Protein backbone atom coordinates (compact mmCIF):
# COMPACT_ATOMS: atom_id res chain seq x y z
CA MET A 1 25.60 14.82 -1.82
CA VAL A 2 22.74 13.13 0.52
CA GLY A 3 20.16 9.81 -0.22
CA LEU A 4 17.05 11.74 0.62
CA LEU A 5 14.15 9.21 1.39
CA ILE A 6 10.22 10.91 1.07
CA PHE A 7 8.44 7.64 2.79
CA ASN A 8 4.46 7.44 2.65
CA THR A 9 2.34 6.30 5.35
CA LEU A 10 0.74 3.35 2.90
CA THR A 11 -2.50 1.53 3.74
CA SER A 12 -2.60 -1.60 1.51
CA VAL A 13 -0.21 -3.69 -0.28
CA ALA A 14 1.14 -0.87 -1.32
CA TYR A 15 3.57 -1.28 1.56
CA CYS A 16 5.14 -3.77 1.35
CA VAL A 17 5.94 -3.01 -2.53
CA GLN A 18 7.40 0.29 -0.42
CA ILE A 19 9.74 -2.13 1.34
CA VAL A 20 11.23 -3.89 -1.50
CA ARG A 21 11.84 -0.14 -3.23
CA LEU A 22 13.92 1.34 0.74
CA GLN A 23 15.96 -1.73 0.81
CA GLU A 24 16.89 -1.26 -3.00
CA LEU A 25 18.04 2.60 -2.47
CA TYR A 26 19.82 2.23 0.54
CA GLN A 27 21.74 -0.44 -1.48
CA ARG A 28 22.58 1.53 -3.98
CA TRP A 29 23.08 4.69 -2.02
CA GLU A 30 25.35 2.88 0.60
CA ALA A 31 27.84 0.80 -2.73
CA ASP A 32 27.43 5.32 -3.86
CA SER A 33 30.84 6.53 -2.63
CA ASN A 34 28.98 10.14 -3.57
CA VAL A 35 26.26 9.76 -1.24
CA VAL A 36 27.46 10.77 2.03
CA ALA A 37 24.10 9.80 4.60
CA VAL A 38 20.68 9.52 4.15
CA ILE A 39 17.36 11.20 5.44
CA LEU A 40 14.64 9.29 6.08
CA LYS A 41 11.51 11.09 7.13
CA GLY A 42 7.10 10.88 5.99
CA ASN A 43 5.03 12.34 3.24
CA GLY A 44 2.25 14.37 5.00
CA ARG A 45 0.75 14.58 8.99
CA ALA A 46 2.64 10.72 10.09
CA PHE A 47 6.07 10.22 9.75
CA CYS A 48 4.63 5.81 10.03
CA ALA A 49 2.37 4.78 11.00
CA GLY A 50 2.20 1.37 10.39
CA GLY A 51 0.11 0.31 7.32
CA ASP A 52 1.14 -3.34 7.12
CA VAL A 53 -1.47 -4.71 9.19
CA ALA A 54 -4.20 -4.33 7.56
CA SER A 55 -3.08 -5.40 4.57
CA VAL A 56 -1.52 -8.25 5.86
CA CYS A 57 -4.31 -9.77 7.71
CA GLU A 58 -6.77 -8.72 4.08
CA LEU A 59 -4.74 -12.02 2.69
CA GLY A 60 -3.82 -13.84 5.44
CA ARG A 61 -7.55 -13.61 5.61
CA GLN A 62 -8.56 -15.22 2.59
CA GLY A 63 -7.70 -18.96 4.21
CA ASN A 64 -5.74 -21.06 2.57
CA LEU A 65 -2.01 -22.09 2.86
CA ARG A 66 -0.55 -19.84 0.16
CA ARG A 67 -2.35 -16.78 0.61
CA GLN A 68 -0.94 -17.19 4.66
CA HIS A 69 2.34 -17.18 2.59
CA GLN A 70 2.31 -13.75 0.74
CA ALA A 71 0.62 -13.45 3.78
CA SER A 72 4.11 -14.21 7.10
CA GLY A 73 6.26 -13.09 3.37
CA PHE A 74 5.73 -9.27 3.90
CA PHE A 75 7.10 -9.91 7.54
CA TYR A 76 9.84 -11.06 5.83
CA LYS A 77 11.00 -9.01 3.42
CA GLU A 78 10.24 -6.18 5.97
CA TYR A 79 13.00 -7.39 8.71
CA VAL A 80 14.87 -7.86 6.35
CA LEU A 81 15.31 -4.13 5.76
CA ASN A 82 14.86 -3.42 9.54
CA TYR A 83 18.91 -5.55 9.93
CA TYR A 84 19.65 -3.62 6.46
CA LEU A 85 18.97 -0.54 8.04
CA ALA A 86 20.61 -1.15 11.36
CA THR A 87 23.67 -2.27 9.24
CA PHE A 88 23.64 0.19 7.54
CA LYS A 89 27.16 1.65 6.71
CA LYS A 90 26.12 5.54 6.16
CA PRO A 91 24.63 8.29 8.77
CA HIS A 92 20.86 7.82 8.52
CA VAL A 93 18.65 10.24 9.92
CA ALA A 94 14.85 9.59 10.84
CA PHE A 95 13.08 13.26 10.66
CA LEU A 96 10.17 11.54 13.31
CA ASN A 97 7.56 14.89 13.04
CA GLY A 98 4.23 12.96 13.17
CA VAL A 99 3.34 9.24 13.84
CA VAL A 100 5.75 7.28 14.60
CA MET A 101 4.11 3.74 15.27
CA GLY A 102 4.86 0.55 14.75
CA GLY A 103 6.65 -0.61 11.71
CA GLY A 104 7.16 3.38 11.61
CA ASN A 105 9.79 2.07 14.15
CA GLY A 106 10.88 -0.17 12.23
CA VAL A 107 12.73 1.99 9.69
CA SER A 108 13.53 4.56 11.74
CA VAL A 109 14.38 3.37 15.79
CA HIS A 110 17.69 0.78 14.25
CA GLY A 111 19.19 3.97 12.24
CA LYS A 112 21.96 5.89 13.36
CA TYR A 113 20.10 9.37 14.02
CA ARG A 114 16.33 9.63 14.87
CA VAL A 115 15.25 13.41 15.54
CA ALA A 116 12.11 13.99 17.38
CA THR A 117 9.58 17.15 16.96
CA GLU A 118 7.08 18.55 18.69
CA LYS A 119 4.39 16.21 17.02
CA THR A 120 6.12 13.13 17.50
CA LEU A 121 3.51 10.32 18.83
CA PHE A 122 5.87 6.38 19.64
CA ALA A 123 3.81 3.63 20.28
CA MET A 124 4.29 -0.13 19.77
CA PRO A 125 0.28 -1.09 19.48
CA GLU A 126 0.36 -4.35 18.81
CA THR A 127 -1.01 -6.43 21.70
CA ALA A 128 -3.84 -4.28 21.10
CA LEU A 129 -4.00 -5.89 17.61
CA GLY A 130 -3.90 -9.30 18.95
CA LEU A 131 -0.41 -9.40 17.39
CA HIS A 132 3.02 -8.69 19.07
CA PRO A 133 6.05 -5.96 18.92
CA ASP A 134 7.71 -6.92 16.63
CA VAL A 135 10.54 -5.35 13.27
CA GLY A 136 13.26 -5.92 16.05
CA ALA A 137 11.15 -4.09 19.25
CA SER A 138 12.12 -7.31 21.68
CA TYR A 139 15.88 -5.45 20.98
CA PHE A 140 14.76 -1.50 21.61
CA LEU A 141 12.36 -2.27 23.40
CA SER A 142 14.38 -4.67 26.13
CA ARG A 143 17.66 -2.87 26.13
CA LEU A 144 15.22 0.38 27.53
CA ASP A 145 15.93 1.79 31.16
CA GLY A 146 15.23 -0.70 33.62
CA HIS A 147 11.41 -2.49 32.87
CA LEU A 148 10.28 0.64 30.89
CA GLY A 149 10.25 -1.40 27.63
CA GLU A 150 7.84 -4.33 29.29
CA TYR A 151 4.68 -1.59 30.06
CA LEU A 152 5.76 0.24 27.03
CA GLY A 153 5.11 -3.07 25.21
CA LEU A 154 2.55 -4.96 26.97
CA THR A 155 -0.26 -1.39 26.69
CA GLY A 156 1.30 0.88 23.80
CA GLU A 157 1.62 3.21 25.63
CA ARG A 158 2.23 6.16 24.26
CA LEU A 159 5.36 8.31 23.85
CA ASP A 160 5.53 11.67 23.02
CA GLY A 161 9.51 13.59 21.52
CA ALA A 162 10.45 14.63 24.89
CA ASP A 163 10.13 11.49 26.27
CA MET A 164 12.11 9.32 23.20
CA LEU A 165 14.95 11.72 23.55
CA ASN A 166 15.11 11.36 27.37
CA ILE A 167 14.73 7.28 26.62
CA GLY A 168 17.15 6.61 23.57
CA LEU A 169 14.45 6.12 21.52
CA ALA A 170 14.97 9.29 19.60
CA THR A 171 18.76 11.26 18.87
CA HIS A 172 17.71 14.51 18.44
CA TYR A 173 14.63 16.79 19.25
CA VAL A 174 14.51 19.44 16.63
CA PRO A 175 11.48 21.75 16.59
CA SER A 176 8.98 20.71 13.68
CA GLU A 177 9.45 24.75 12.21
CA ARG A 178 13.51 24.23 11.93
CA LEU A 179 13.59 20.76 10.40
CA ALA A 180 13.71 22.00 6.03
CA SER A 181 16.74 24.55 8.07
CA LEU A 182 17.66 20.77 9.05
CA GLU A 183 17.58 18.97 5.92
CA SER A 184 18.51 22.27 3.61
CA GLU A 185 22.45 21.54 5.57
CA LEU A 186 22.30 18.67 5.79
CA ARG A 187 22.08 17.83 2.07
CA SER A 188 25.29 19.86 2.24
CA VAL A 189 27.65 17.76 3.93
CA SER A 190 29.65 16.50 3.50
CA SER A 191 31.67 13.82 5.23
CA PRO A 192 29.56 12.09 8.68
CA GLU A 193 31.55 13.63 11.36
CA SER A 194 29.24 17.05 9.72
CA VAL A 195 25.91 15.34 9.66
CA GLU A 196 26.62 14.60 13.45
CA GLU A 197 27.95 18.21 14.25
CA THR A 198 24.79 19.38 12.10
CA LEU A 199 22.32 17.16 13.87
CA GLY A 200 24.00 18.99 17.13
CA LYS A 201 23.32 22.58 16.53
CA PHE A 202 20.03 22.25 15.36
CA SER A 203 19.46 19.80 18.47
CA GLY A 204 17.39 20.64 21.84
CA ARG A 205 16.12 18.83 24.96
CA PRO A 206 12.84 20.09 26.47
CA PRO A 207 11.65 19.40 29.27
CA VAL A 208 9.26 15.98 29.88
CA GLN A 209 5.45 16.93 30.52
CA GLY A 210 4.46 16.32 33.35
CA LYS A 211 1.23 13.70 32.64
CA SER A 212 4.47 11.46 30.77
CA CYS A 213 4.67 7.23 32.62
CA LEU A 214 7.94 8.70 32.79
CA HIS A 215 7.40 10.14 36.64
CA ARG A 216 6.13 6.95 37.19
CA LEU A 217 9.16 5.48 36.93
CA GLN A 218 9.32 3.49 39.59
CA VAL A 219 5.82 2.56 39.89
CA ILE A 220 6.48 0.76 36.21
CA ASN A 221 9.42 -0.87 37.44
CA ALA A 222 8.14 -2.55 40.57
CA CYS A 223 5.45 -3.64 38.83
CA PHE A 224 6.19 -4.68 35.10
CA SER A 225 9.17 -6.77 36.67
CA GLY A 226 6.27 -9.38 36.93
CA ASP A 227 7.37 -13.23 36.07
CA THR A 228 3.99 -13.08 34.68
CA VAL A 229 1.14 -10.90 32.49
CA GLU A 230 -0.89 -12.50 35.75
CA GLY A 231 2.11 -11.35 38.36
CA ILE A 232 2.18 -7.57 36.36
CA LEU A 233 -1.85 -6.82 36.31
CA HIS A 234 -1.56 -7.88 40.13
CA ALA A 235 0.84 -6.04 41.18
CA LEU A 236 -0.33 -2.22 39.16
CA GLU A 237 -3.93 -3.57 41.49
CA ARG A 238 -1.55 -3.50 44.38
CA GLU A 239 -0.07 -0.09 43.95
CA ARG A 240 -3.89 0.96 42.81
CA GLY A 241 -5.01 0.31 46.83
CA ASP A 242 -8.80 2.09 46.76
CA GLY A 243 -7.35 5.35 45.80
CA ASP A 244 -7.69 6.88 42.52
CA ASP A 245 -5.18 7.02 40.46
CA GLU A 246 -6.05 8.03 37.11
CA TRP A 247 -2.32 6.34 35.20
CA LEU A 248 -2.64 3.61 36.89
CA ASP A 249 -6.45 3.27 36.29
CA LYS A 250 -5.49 3.90 32.25
CA ALA A 251 -2.22 0.77 32.84
CA THR A 252 -4.74 -1.27 34.09
CA SER A 253 -6.94 -0.86 31.53
CA LYS A 254 -4.54 -1.43 28.70
CA LEU A 255 -3.83 -4.83 29.54
CA LYS A 256 -7.05 -5.77 30.76
CA GLY A 257 -8.30 -5.01 26.93
CA ALA A 258 -5.38 -6.14 25.30
CA SER A 259 -4.98 -9.80 24.07
CA PRO A 260 -4.68 -12.60 26.57
CA THR A 261 -1.84 -14.03 24.20
CA SER A 262 -0.16 -11.58 22.46
CA LEU A 263 -0.02 -10.20 25.79
CA LYS A 264 1.83 -13.07 27.11
CA ILE A 265 4.40 -14.15 23.80
CA THR A 266 5.26 -10.20 24.34
CA LEU A 267 6.66 -10.12 27.75
CA ALA A 268 8.32 -13.60 26.55
CA SER A 269 9.98 -11.40 23.77
CA ILE A 270 10.62 -8.76 25.65
CA ARG A 271 12.05 -11.08 28.05
CA ARG A 272 14.04 -13.04 26.06
CA GLY A 273 16.18 -10.24 23.68
CA ARG A 274 17.16 -9.32 26.00
CA GLN A 275 19.77 -11.79 25.94
CA GLU A 276 20.04 -11.21 22.27
CA SER A 277 21.13 -10.22 18.94
CA LEU A 278 19.00 -7.51 17.15
CA ALA A 279 19.69 -10.70 14.25
CA GLU A 280 18.39 -12.91 16.76
CA CYS A 281 14.62 -11.31 17.42
CA LEU A 282 14.03 -10.91 14.03
CA ALA A 283 14.21 -14.30 13.30
CA ARG A 284 13.01 -15.07 16.36
CA GLU A 285 10.12 -12.37 15.64
CA TYR A 286 9.43 -13.51 12.80
CA ARG A 287 8.27 -17.22 13.68
CA MET A 288 6.10 -15.06 16.51
CA SER A 289 4.41 -13.02 13.59
CA PHE A 290 3.99 -16.34 11.26
CA ARG A 291 2.39 -17.74 13.59
CA ALA A 292 -0.06 -14.62 14.25
CA VAL A 293 -1.23 -15.26 10.51
CA SER A 294 -1.38 -19.34 10.26
CA ALA A 295 -3.16 -18.33 12.99
CA LYS A 296 -2.25 -21.46 14.74
CA TYR A 297 -2.68 -21.29 17.59
CA SER A 298 -5.58 -19.05 18.13
CA GLY A 299 -7.17 -16.30 15.68
CA ASP A 300 -6.36 -13.29 17.65
CA PHE A 301 -4.51 -11.93 15.41
CA TYR A 302 -7.75 -11.44 13.23
CA GLU A 303 -9.83 -10.73 15.13
CA GLY A 304 -8.55 -7.41 16.93
CA CYS A 305 -7.74 -6.23 13.34
CA ARG A 306 -11.40 -6.99 12.85
CA ALA A 307 -12.52 -5.10 15.99
CA ILE A 308 -10.29 -1.94 15.43
CA LEU A 309 -9.05 -1.39 11.83
CA ILE A 310 -11.63 -3.38 10.17
CA ASP A 311 -15.53 -3.27 11.57
CA LYS A 312 -14.38 -0.30 13.90
CA ASP A 313 -17.03 -1.60 17.17
CA ASN A 314 -13.70 -1.75 19.72
CA ARG A 315 -15.16 -4.69 21.24
CA PRO A 316 -12.24 -7.76 20.16
CA ARG A 317 -13.64 -11.34 21.61
CA TRP A 318 -10.31 -12.97 22.56
CA ASP A 319 -9.22 -16.19 21.76
CA PRO A 320 -9.09 -17.33 25.06
CA SER A 321 -10.44 -14.39 26.73
CA LYS A 322 -8.00 -15.06 29.47
CA LEU A 323 -4.88 -15.32 30.67
CA GLU A 324 -4.62 -18.26 32.52
CA GLY A 325 -6.18 -20.16 29.05
CA VAL A 326 -2.86 -19.24 27.61
CA SER A 327 -1.24 -21.84 28.28
CA ARG A 328 3.44 -22.10 28.79
CA GLU A 329 3.33 -24.60 26.20
CA VAL A 330 1.05 -22.34 23.47
CA VAL A 331 3.84 -19.62 24.31
CA GLU A 332 6.85 -21.76 23.31
CA GLY A 333 4.83 -22.61 20.94
CA TYR A 334 4.90 -19.28 19.33
CA PHE A 335 9.35 -18.97 19.50
CA ALA A 336 9.18 -22.97 18.51
CA ALA A 337 11.91 -23.28 14.97
CA LEU A 338 9.98 -23.17 12.29
CA GLY A 339 9.98 -26.27 9.72
CA ASP A 340 10.05 -26.46 5.82
CA GLY A 341 6.50 -26.86 5.50
CA GLU A 342 5.72 -23.97 6.70
CA GLY A 343 8.50 -21.57 4.33
CA GLY A 344 11.29 -21.75 6.99
CA GLU A 345 13.32 -19.43 9.40
CA LEU A 346 14.33 -15.83 8.49
CA GLN A 347 17.10 -15.61 6.29
CA LEU A 348 18.86 -12.09 7.62
CA PRO A 349 22.25 -11.05 5.60
CA VAL A 350 24.48 -11.23 8.84
CA GLY A 351 27.47 -12.59 7.09
CA GLU A 352 27.59 -10.21 3.96
CA ARG A 353 27.10 -7.64 6.61
CA GLY A 354 29.82 -9.19 9.59
CA ALA A 355 29.48 -11.57 12.28
CA GLY A 356 29.84 -9.08 13.92
CA ALA A 357 27.38 -7.00 12.73
CA ARG A 358 24.73 -5.09 15.84
CA SER A 359 22.35 -2.38 15.47
CA ARG A 360 24.20 1.09 14.88
CA ALA A 361 20.90 2.82 17.31
CA ARG A 362 22.18 4.28 20.06
CA ILE A 363 20.03 2.70 22.34
């Protein structure tokens, strides 16, 4: 028996309700000996494009402490679900057929199998929203080869299905027209081993497209290895020189358009993630998200949501507006432990899931 979850890509508070429901289903199916594996797929043209940010922003903008704690409580529930999925004891197969951004990566990338298609579109675009790549992104981005993780996290660059497969964010690639047949066969599997065999039978390896950023890995590794965001920007500008390079122009433009605060905490987050377990990454990301919602150091989260999601003028007024205005002390403040007055730290079921539990994602 295969459990089947159809994930609606909601853009309201109902997203939070869905997270709680997902947690309940995973717990039930993990305990059910009749369930061999779980398939997670989107309902519509997207797998999941998030849907969380707008809801959290609306709660936080109401300005009182109770609402802010409700907003940060969303992240709390989401990150617990991410950890549970990462340590799920049965094969988990996500069909990434369509847009998979933000929270969509949290409910897929940590699972054992991620099936991309020609319609897959991956991104972690949080720096353009005044937030930071979360849902364990500092764990999985930091484990990509070289400094590709910094590039993806800072610029929010999009990847297609072939890109995801080639860098390990996807484990299989199946044309979308064959997903129905794949699902049908998976529904009849009788063992975890047959899940892998079935996926392998349907999967192929498509070529990387000509405009893929994967053709620029040498430049990415050279430029995004810098110790600071300012250093990365200078390296990109030096690389371009007086020449005309569309890819370099785009990367530079994305960095210059993003929240300076988000860029600095994101770079530090990914760098720290390389030395941390998934549980440690999620705990730190929760601190960062709490600080973003409380606007203790910057209101960029609310300004980014206003400009991109609400007013849609795409002209955010970041504060501070320049990278040099974001001090090292502010960056460290985002990572500081949460006190009782802030609701306390994220509590993950590490002991319950096994003291040595690690993400089952093959990254």
